[in-house]
Amino acid sequence: KTVSEMIAKLEDYVNSHIQYKESYDNFYDWIRNCKIEIQQCSDSHGEKDSVQKKLNKVKKIIEALPKGEALLQKAIKLSEAALETTGNEGKDSINQEIKQLKIEWENLQQICKDTKKLLEKCLSAWFDYLETSEKKSKWVKEYDGKLKTVEKVDKITPE
């Protein structure tokens, strides 16, 4: 082989590693941003509207999970190409990185699921509270009216 062919081959190896690293970084940045957004929504305290907004935000994050999965799959695919031209020590490192990405991915999915469930439970409690409060208010108004009617009747009739 000529020197120029060997240089071209080595440049291909370097490019496959660069592409893998960029893909790895893209996925890691994406997942980190999602986790930050999810953490901002994980507090279920607050007014009903606030909880509803948080739940809507979590649902949007969940809708975006396929994008994250695509980024993960791309990183895995590019890691396979990089592994073909990597020594054993480098292979261990890349395999460990991919293993960590998969763990991060599983964690994010679980956090999304748990946060959504928590907010839905909180929102349900809000609806129950508001329904009970409304029933109580109607009851108070109804009996207040009856009480006033009885008081009027008591004032009219002599003792």
N, C-alpha and C. Protein backbone atom coordinates (compact mmCIF):
# COMPACT_ATOMS: atom_id res chain seq x y z
N LYS A 1 0.84 -1.19 0.00
CA LYS A 1 0.00 0.00 0.00
C LYS A 1 0.88 1.24 0.00
N THR A 2 0.34 2.24 -0.62
CA THR A 2 1.10 3.49 -0.67
C THR A 2 0.86 4.28 0.61
N VAL A 3 1.74 5.21 0.82
CA VAL A 3 1.64 6.07 2.00
C VAL A 3 0.34 6.86 1.97
N SER A 4 -0.05 7.35 0.82
CA SER A 4 -1.28 8.15 0.71
C SER A 4 -2.51 7.28 1.02
N GLU A 5 -2.49 6.01 0.63
CA GLU A 5 -3.59 5.12 0.96
C GLU A 5 -3.67 4.89 2.47
N MET A 6 -2.50 4.72 3.09
CA MET A 6 -2.47 4.51 4.54
C MET A 6 -2.94 5.76 5.28
N ILE A 7 -2.55 6.92 4.78
CA ILE A 7 -3.00 8.18 5.40
C ILE A 7 -4.52 8.30 5.27
N ALA A 8 -5.04 7.99 4.09
CA ALA A 8 -6.49 8.06 3.86
C ALA A 8 -7.23 7.11 4.81
N LYS A 9 -6.68 5.91 4.97
CA LYS A 9 -7.28 4.91 5.87
C LYS A 9 -7.28 5.42 7.32
N LEU A 10 -6.15 5.98 7.74
CA LEU A 10 -6.07 6.52 9.10
C LEU A 10 -7.01 7.71 9.29
N GLU A 11 -7.15 8.54 8.26
CA GLU A 11 -8.09 9.66 8.34
C GLU A 11 -9.52 9.14 8.49
N ASP A 12 -9.85 8.04 7.80
CA ASP A 12 -11.18 7.44 7.95
C ASP A 12 -11.40 6.97 9.39
N TYR A 13 -10.36 6.35 9.98
CA TYR A 13 -10.45 5.89 11.36
C TYR A 13 -10.72 7.07 12.30
N VAL A 14 -9.95 8.12 12.08
CA VAL A 14 -10.10 9.32 12.92
C VAL A 14 -11.50 9.91 12.75
N ASN A 15 -11.96 9.98 11.50
CA ASN A 15 -13.29 10.53 11.24
C ASN A 15 -14.39 9.69 11.90
N SER A 16 -14.23 8.37 11.88
CA SER A 16 -15.26 7.53 12.53
C SER A 16 -15.28 7.78 14.03
N HIS A 17 -14.11 8.01 14.63
CA HIS A 17 -14.05 8.32 16.07
C HIS A 17 -14.64 9.70 16.35
N ILE A 18 -14.36 10.66 15.49
CA ILE A 18 -14.91 12.01 15.66
C ILE A 18 -16.43 11.98 15.56
N GLN A 19 -16.94 11.26 14.56
CA GLN A 19 -18.40 11.16 14.40
C GLN A 19 -19.04 10.50 15.62
N TYR A 20 -18.40 9.45 16.12
CA TYR A 20 -18.92 8.78 17.31
C TYR A 20 -18.94 9.76 18.49
N LYS A 21 -17.85 10.45 18.70
CA LYS A 21 -17.74 11.37 19.84
C LYS A 21 -18.79 12.49 19.75
N GLU A 22 -18.99 13.02 18.55
CA GLU A 22 -20.00 14.07 18.36
C GLU A 22 -21.40 13.52 18.65
N SER A 23 -21.66 12.32 18.18
CA SER A 23 -22.95 11.69 18.41
C SER A 23 -23.17 11.42 19.90
N TYR A 24 -22.13 10.93 20.55
CA TYR A 24 -22.15 10.69 22.00
C TYR A 24 -22.47 11.99 22.73
N ASP A 25 -21.76 13.06 22.38
CA ASP A 25 -21.97 14.36 23.02
C ASP A 25 -23.38 14.89 22.78
N ASN A 26 -23.88 14.74 21.55
CA ASN A 26 -25.24 15.20 21.22
C ASN A 26 -26.28 14.50 22.10
N PHE A 27 -26.14 13.19 22.21
CA PHE A 27 -27.09 12.44 23.03
C PHE A 27 -26.97 12.85 24.50
N TYR A 28 -25.75 12.96 24.98
CA TYR A 28 -25.54 13.30 26.39
C TYR A 28 -26.10 14.69 26.71
N ASP A 29 -25.88 15.65 25.81
CA ASP A 29 -26.43 17.00 26.00
C ASP A 29 -27.96 16.95 26.01
N TRP A 30 -28.52 16.20 25.06
CA TRP A 30 -29.98 16.10 24.97
C TRP A 30 -30.56 15.51 26.24
N ILE A 31 -29.97 14.43 26.70
CA ILE A 31 -30.51 13.76 27.90
C ILE A 31 -30.33 14.63 29.14
N ARG A 32 -29.22 15.34 29.24
CA ARG A 32 -28.98 16.23 30.37
C ARG A 32 -30.04 17.35 30.40
N ASN A 33 -30.32 17.92 29.24
CA ASN A 33 -31.34 18.98 29.16
C ASN A 33 -32.72 18.45 29.55
N CYS A 34 -33.04 17.24 29.10
CA CYS A 34 -34.33 16.64 29.47
C CYS A 34 -34.42 16.43 30.98
N LYS A 35 -33.34 15.96 31.57
CA LYS A 35 -33.35 15.72 33.02
C LYS A 35 -33.52 17.02 33.79
N ILE A 36 -32.90 18.08 33.31
CA ILE A 36 -33.06 19.39 33.96
C ILE A 36 -34.52 19.84 33.88
N GLU A 37 -35.11 19.70 32.69
CA GLU A 37 -36.52 20.09 32.52
C GLU A 37 -37.44 19.25 33.40
N ILE A 38 -37.19 17.96 33.45
CA ILE A 38 -38.02 17.05 34.25
C ILE A 38 -37.90 17.40 35.73
N GLN A 39 -36.68 17.71 36.18
CA GLN A 39 -36.49 18.06 37.59
C GLN A 39 -37.26 19.32 37.96
N GLN A 40 -37.37 20.25 37.01
CA GLN A 40 -38.13 21.48 37.26
C GLN A 40 -39.62 21.19 37.41
N CYS A 41 -40.06 20.05 36.88
CA CYS A 41 -41.48 19.68 36.94
C CYS A 41 -41.79 18.69 38.05
N SER A 42 -40.79 18.21 38.75
CA SER A 42 -41.01 17.10 39.68
C SER A 42 -41.63 17.51 41.00
N ASP A 43 -41.67 18.80 41.30
CA ASP A 43 -42.30 19.25 42.54
C ASP A 43 -43.80 19.35 42.32
N SER A 44 -44.55 18.51 43.01
CA SER A 44 -46.00 18.47 42.79
C SER A 44 -46.76 19.47 43.65
N HIS A 45 -46.06 20.28 44.42
CA HIS A 45 -46.73 21.29 45.24
C HIS A 45 -47.11 22.48 44.38
N GLY A 46 -48.15 23.16 44.79
CA GLY A 46 -48.55 24.37 44.09
C GLY A 46 -50.00 24.33 43.67
N GLU A 47 -50.39 25.41 43.03
CA GLU A 47 -51.77 25.55 42.57
C GLU A 47 -52.06 24.55 41.46
N LYS A 48 -53.35 24.28 41.24
CA LYS A 48 -53.77 23.32 40.22
C LYS A 48 -53.23 23.70 38.84
N ASP A 49 -53.30 24.98 38.48
CA ASP A 49 -52.81 25.42 37.17
C ASP A 49 -51.31 25.17 37.02
N SER A 50 -50.57 25.38 38.09
CA SER A 50 -49.13 25.15 38.07
C SER A 50 -48.83 23.66 37.86
N VAL A 51 -49.56 22.81 38.54
CA VAL A 51 -49.38 21.37 38.39
C VAL A 51 -49.75 20.94 36.97
N GLN A 52 -50.82 21.52 36.45
CA GLN A 52 -51.25 21.19 35.07
C GLN A 52 -50.17 21.59 34.05
N LYS A 53 -49.58 22.76 34.24
CA LYS A 53 -48.51 23.21 33.33
C LYS A 53 -47.31 22.27 33.39
N LYS A 54 -46.97 21.85 34.61
CA LYS A 54 -45.84 20.92 34.77
C LYS A 54 -46.15 19.59 34.09
N LEU A 55 -47.36 19.11 34.25
CA LEU A 55 -47.76 17.85 33.61
C LEU A 55 -47.70 17.97 32.10
N ASN A 56 -48.17 19.09 31.57
CA ASN A 56 -48.11 19.31 30.11
C ASN A 56 -46.65 19.30 29.62
N LYS A 57 -45.78 19.92 30.39
CA LYS A 57 -44.35 19.96 30.03
C LYS A 57 -43.75 18.55 30.04
N VAL A 58 -44.11 17.76 31.05
CA VAL A 58 -43.62 16.38 31.13
C VAL A 58 -44.13 15.57 29.94
N LYS A 59 -45.38 15.78 29.57
CA LYS A 59 -45.94 15.06 28.42
C LYS A 59 -45.19 15.43 27.14
N LYS A 60 -44.80 16.69 27.00
CA LYS A 60 -44.02 17.11 25.82
C LYS A 60 -42.65 16.44 25.82
N ILE A 61 -42.05 16.32 26.98
CA ILE A 61 -40.76 15.63 27.08
C ILE A 61 -40.93 14.17 26.67
N ILE A 62 -41.99 13.55 27.16
CA ILE A 62 -42.26 12.15 26.82
C ILE A 62 -42.48 12.00 25.31
N GLU A 63 -43.18 12.96 24.71
CA GLU A 63 -43.39 12.94 23.26
C GLU A 63 -42.07 13.06 22.50
N ALA A 64 -41.07 13.69 23.12
CA ALA A 64 -39.77 13.88 22.47
C ALA A 64 -38.82 12.70 22.69
N LEU A 65 -39.24 11.72 23.48
CA LEU A 65 -38.36 10.57 23.75
C LEU A 65 -37.92 9.82 22.49
N PRO A 66 -38.77 9.69 21.47
CA PRO A 66 -38.29 9.03 20.25
C PRO A 66 -37.07 9.72 19.63
N LYS A 67 -37.00 11.04 19.77
CA LYS A 67 -35.81 11.77 19.28
C LYS A 67 -34.58 11.32 20.07
N GLY A 68 -34.73 11.19 21.37
CA GLY A 68 -33.63 10.73 22.21
C GLY A 68 -33.21 9.32 21.86
N GLU A 69 -34.19 8.47 21.59
CA GLU A 69 -33.86 7.10 21.22
C GLU A 69 -33.10 7.07 19.89
N ALA A 70 -33.50 7.92 18.96
CA ALA A 70 -32.79 8.01 17.67
C ALA A 70 -31.34 8.47 17.89
N LEU A 71 -31.15 9.45 18.77
CA LEU A 71 -29.79 9.91 19.08
C LEU A 71 -28.97 8.80 19.72
N LEU A 72 -29.59 8.03 20.59
CA LEU A 72 -28.89 6.91 21.23
C LEU A 72 -28.51 5.86 20.20
N GLN A 73 -29.45 5.51 19.33
CA GLN A 73 -29.17 4.49 18.31
C GLN A 73 -28.06 4.94 17.36
N LYS A 74 -28.06 6.23 17.07
CA LYS A 74 -26.99 6.76 16.20
C LYS A 74 -25.63 6.64 16.89
N ALA A 75 -25.59 6.96 18.17
CA ALA A 75 -24.34 6.85 18.93
C ALA A 75 -23.88 5.39 18.98
N ILE A 76 -24.82 4.48 19.18
CA ILE A 76 -24.47 3.05 19.22
C ILE A 76 -23.92 2.60 17.87
N LYS A 77 -24.61 3.01 16.82
CA LYS A 77 -24.17 2.62 15.46
C LYS A 77 -22.77 3.16 15.16
N LEU A 78 -22.55 4.43 15.48
CA LEU A 78 -21.24 5.03 15.23
C LEU A 78 -20.16 4.44 16.15
N SER A 79 -20.57 4.00 17.34
CA SER A 79 -19.59 3.36 18.23
C SER A 79 -19.11 2.04 17.63
N GLU A 80 -20.03 1.34 16.98
CA GLU A 80 -19.67 0.07 16.35
C GLU A 80 -18.62 0.28 15.25
N ALA A 81 -18.81 1.35 14.49
CA ALA A 81 -17.82 1.67 13.44
C ALA A 81 -16.48 2.04 14.08
N ALA A 82 -16.51 2.79 15.16
CA ALA A 82 -15.27 3.19 15.83
C ALA A 82 -14.59 1.99 16.48
N LEU A 83 -15.39 1.06 16.99
CA LEU A 83 -14.81 -0.13 17.65
C LEU A 83 -13.98 -0.98 16.68
N GLU A 84 -14.38 -0.98 15.41
CA GLU A 84 -13.67 -1.79 14.41
C GLU A 84 -12.21 -1.35 14.24
N THR A 85 -11.94 -0.09 14.56
CA THR A 85 -10.58 0.44 14.34
C THR A 85 -9.91 0.86 15.64
N THR A 86 -10.35 0.23 16.75
CA THR A 86 -9.86 0.63 18.06
C THR A 86 -9.16 -0.55 18.74
N GLY A 87 -8.12 -0.24 19.48
CA GLY A 87 -7.42 -1.26 20.27
C GLY A 87 -8.27 -1.68 21.46
N ASN A 88 -7.84 -2.74 22.14
CA ASN A 88 -8.63 -3.30 23.24
C ASN A 88 -8.93 -2.30 24.35
N GLU A 89 -7.94 -1.51 24.73
CA GLU A 89 -8.15 -0.53 25.79
C GLU A 89 -9.20 0.50 25.38
N GLY A 90 -9.13 0.95 24.13
CA GLY A 90 -10.10 1.90 23.59
C GLY A 90 -11.48 1.27 23.47
N LYS A 91 -11.53 -0.01 23.11
CA LYS A 91 -12.82 -0.71 23.00
C LYS A 91 -13.52 -0.76 24.35
N ASP A 92 -12.74 -1.05 25.40
CA ASP A 92 -13.33 -1.08 26.74
C ASP A 92 -13.94 0.28 27.10
N SER A 93 -13.22 1.32 26.76
CA SER A 93 -13.69 2.68 27.06
C SER A 93 -14.99 2.99 26.30
N ILE A 94 -15.01 2.69 25.00
CA ILE A 94 -16.20 2.96 24.18
C ILE A 94 -17.37 2.11 24.67
N ASN A 95 -17.12 0.84 24.94
CA ASN A 95 -18.20 -0.03 25.43
C ASN A 95 -18.76 0.48 26.75
N GLN A 96 -17.90 0.98 27.62
CA GLN A 96 -18.34 1.53 28.89
C GLN A 96 -19.18 2.81 28.68
N GLU A 97 -18.75 3.64 27.75
CA GLU A 97 -19.52 4.86 27.43
C GLU A 97 -20.92 4.51 26.93
N ILE A 98 -20.99 3.53 26.04
CA ILE A 98 -22.29 3.13 25.49
C ILE A 98 -23.17 2.52 26.59
N LYS A 99 -22.56 1.72 27.44
CA LYS A 99 -23.30 1.15 28.57
C LYS A 99 -23.87 2.26 29.44
N GLN A 100 -23.07 3.29 29.70
CA GLN A 100 -23.52 4.42 30.52
C GLN A 100 -24.64 5.20 29.84
N LEU A 101 -24.54 5.37 28.52
CA LEU A 101 -25.61 6.06 27.78
C LEU A 101 -26.92 5.29 27.91
N LYS A 102 -26.85 3.99 27.80
CA LYS A 102 -28.06 3.17 27.92
C LYS A 102 -28.67 3.27 29.31
N ILE A 103 -27.81 3.31 30.33
CA ILE A 103 -28.29 3.48 31.71
C ILE A 103 -28.97 4.84 31.87
N GLU A 104 -28.33 5.88 31.35
CA GLU A 104 -28.91 7.23 31.40
C GLU A 104 -30.27 7.26 30.71
N TRP A 105 -30.36 6.57 29.58
CA TRP A 105 -31.59 6.51 28.79
C TRP A 105 -32.70 5.83 29.60
N GLU A 106 -32.38 4.69 30.20
CA GLU A 106 -33.36 3.98 31.03
C GLU A 106 -33.80 4.85 32.21
N ASN A 107 -32.84 5.52 32.85
CA ASN A 107 -33.16 6.40 33.98
C ASN A 107 -34.10 7.52 33.57
N LEU A 108 -33.82 8.14 32.43
CA LEU A 108 -34.67 9.24 31.96
C LEU A 108 -36.09 8.75 31.71
N GLN A 109 -36.23 7.61 31.06
CA GLN A 109 -37.57 7.08 30.80
C GLN A 109 -38.32 6.83 32.11
N GLN A 110 -37.62 6.29 33.10
CA GLN A 110 -38.25 6.00 34.39
C GLN A 110 -38.63 7.30 35.11
N ILE A 111 -37.73 8.28 35.08
CA ILE A 111 -38.02 9.58 35.71
C ILE A 111 -39.25 10.22 35.06
N CYS A 112 -39.34 10.15 33.75
CA CYS A 112 -40.50 10.72 33.03
C CYS A 112 -41.78 10.02 33.48
N LYS A 113 -41.74 8.71 33.51
CA LYS A 113 -42.91 7.92 33.90
C LYS A 113 -43.32 8.24 35.34
N ASP A 114 -42.35 8.26 36.24
CA ASP A 114 -42.65 8.52 37.66
C ASP A 114 -43.17 9.94 37.89
N THR A 115 -42.56 10.91 37.21
CA THR A 115 -42.98 12.31 37.38
C THR A 115 -44.38 12.51 36.82
N LYS A 116 -44.66 11.91 35.68
CA LYS A 116 -46.00 12.01 35.08
C LYS A 116 -47.03 11.41 36.03
N LYS A 117 -46.74 10.26 36.57
CA LYS A 117 -47.66 9.59 37.50
C LYS A 117 -47.90 10.45 38.74
N LEU A 118 -46.82 11.02 39.30
CA LEU A 118 -46.93 11.88 40.48
C LEU A 118 -47.81 13.10 40.20
N LEU A 119 -47.58 13.76 39.07
CA LEU A 119 -48.35 14.96 38.74
C LEU A 119 -49.81 14.62 38.44
N GLU A 120 -50.04 13.49 37.79
CA GLU A 120 -51.42 13.07 37.53
C GLU A 120 -52.16 12.78 38.83
N LYS A 121 -51.46 12.16 39.76
CA LYS A 121 -52.05 11.87 41.08
C LYS A 121 -52.38 13.18 41.81
N CYS A 122 -51.46 14.13 41.74
CA CYS A 122 -51.67 15.43 42.38
C CYS A 122 -52.85 16.16 41.74
N LEU A 123 -52.90 16.14 40.41
CA LEU A 123 -53.98 16.81 39.69
C LEU A 123 -55.33 16.16 40.04
N SER A 124 -55.34 14.85 40.15
CA SER A 124 -56.55 14.13 40.53
C SER A 124 -57.00 14.57 41.93
N ALA A 125 -56.05 14.73 42.83
CA ALA A 125 -56.37 15.21 44.19
C ALA A 125 -56.96 16.62 44.13
N TRP A 126 -56.41 17.46 43.24
CA TRP A 126 -56.95 18.80 43.07
C TRP A 126 -58.40 18.75 42.60
N PHE A 127 -58.67 17.90 41.60
CA PHE A 127 -60.04 17.79 41.08
C PHE A 127 -60.99 17.28 42.17
N ASP A 128 -60.55 16.29 42.94
CA ASP A 128 -61.37 15.78 44.04
C ASP A 128 -61.65 16.88 45.06
N TYR A 129 -60.61 17.64 45.40
CA TYR A 129 -60.76 18.73 46.37
C TYR A 129 -61.75 19.77 45.86
N LEU A 130 -61.58 20.18 44.60
CA LEU A 130 -62.45 21.22 44.04
C LEU A 130 -63.90 20.74 43.94
N GLU A 131 -64.07 19.47 43.59
CA GLU A 131 -65.42 18.91 43.51
C GLU A 131 -66.07 18.88 44.89
N THR A 132 -65.32 18.43 45.89
CA THR A 132 -65.83 18.39 47.27
C THR A 132 -66.12 19.79 47.78
N SER A 133 -65.24 20.71 47.48
CA SER A 133 -65.43 22.10 47.92
C SER A 133 -66.69 22.70 47.28
N GLU A 134 -66.90 22.40 46.01
CA GLU A 134 -68.08 22.92 45.31
C GLU A 134 -69.36 22.33 45.91
N LYS A 135 -69.35 21.04 46.19
CA LYS A 135 -70.51 20.39 46.81
C LYS A 135 -70.80 20.99 48.18
N LYS A 136 -69.73 21.23 48.93
CA LYS A 136 -69.88 21.81 50.27
C LYS A 136 -70.46 23.23 50.16
N SER A 137 -69.99 24.01 49.21
CA SER A 137 -70.49 25.37 49.03
C SER A 137 -71.98 25.36 48.66
N LYS A 138 -72.36 24.45 47.79
CA LYS A 138 -73.78 24.34 47.40
C LYS A 138 -74.62 23.96 48.62
N TRP A 139 -74.12 23.02 49.40
CA TRP A 139 -74.83 22.56 50.59
C TRP A 139 -75.01 23.73 51.56
N VAL A 140 -73.92 24.50 51.79
CA VAL A 140 -73.99 25.63 52.71
C VAL A 140 -75.00 26.66 52.21
N LYS A 141 -74.97 26.96 50.90
CA LYS A 141 -75.93 27.93 50.35
C LYS A 141 -77.37 27.43 50.50
N GLU A 142 -77.57 26.16 50.22
CA GLU A 142 -78.90 25.57 50.31
C GLU A 142 -79.43 25.65 51.74
N TYR A 143 -78.61 25.23 52.69
CA TYR A 143 -79.06 25.25 54.08
C TYR A 143 -79.08 26.64 54.67
N ASP A 144 -78.27 27.53 54.16
CA ASP A 144 -78.31 28.92 54.59
C ASP A 144 -79.65 29.52 54.19
N GLY A 145 -80.08 29.21 52.97
CA GLY A 145 -81.39 29.68 52.50
C GLY A 145 -82.51 29.12 53.35
N LYS A 146 -82.45 27.83 53.65
CA LYS A 146 -83.48 27.19 54.49
C LYS A 146 -83.48 27.80 55.90
N LEU A 147 -82.28 28.06 56.43
CA LEU A 147 -82.15 28.64 57.76
C LEU A 147 -82.77 30.04 57.81
N LYS A 148 -82.51 30.83 56.77
CA LYS A 148 -83.08 32.18 56.71
C LYS A 148 -84.59 32.12 56.62
N THR A 149 -85.11 31.13 55.86
CA THR A 149 -86.57 30.97 55.76
C THR A 149 -87.15 30.63 57.12
N VAL A 150 -86.51 29.74 57.86
CA VAL A 150 -86.97 29.36 59.19
C VAL A 150 -86.90 30.55 60.13
N GLU A 151 -85.82 31.35 60.03
CA GLU A 151 -85.69 32.53 60.89
C GLU A 151 -86.80 33.54 60.62
N LYS A 152 -87.17 33.70 59.32
CA LYS A 152 -88.26 34.63 58.98
C LYS A 152 -89.57 34.13 59.58
N VAL A 153 -89.79 32.84 59.48
CA VAL A 153 -91.02 32.25 60.01
C VAL A 153 -91.05 32.42 61.53
N ASP A 154 -89.91 32.21 62.17
CA ASP A 154 -89.83 32.39 63.64
C ASP A 154 -90.13 33.82 64.05
N LYS A 155 -89.71 34.80 63.25
CA LYS A 155 -89.94 36.21 63.58
C LYS A 155 -91.43 36.56 63.40
N ILE A 156 -92.06 35.93 62.46
CA ILE A 156 -93.47 36.22 62.16
C ILE A 156 -94.39 35.64 63.25
N THR A 157 -94.13 34.41 63.64
CA THR A 157 -95.03 33.78 64.61
C THR A 157 -94.72 34.26 66.03
N PRO A 158 -95.78 34.66 66.76
CA PRO A 158 -95.55 35.12 68.13
C PRO A 158 -95.24 33.93 69.05
N GLU A 159 -94.54 34.23 70.10
CA GLU A 159 -94.16 33.16 71.03
C GLU A 159 -95.23 32.92 72.05
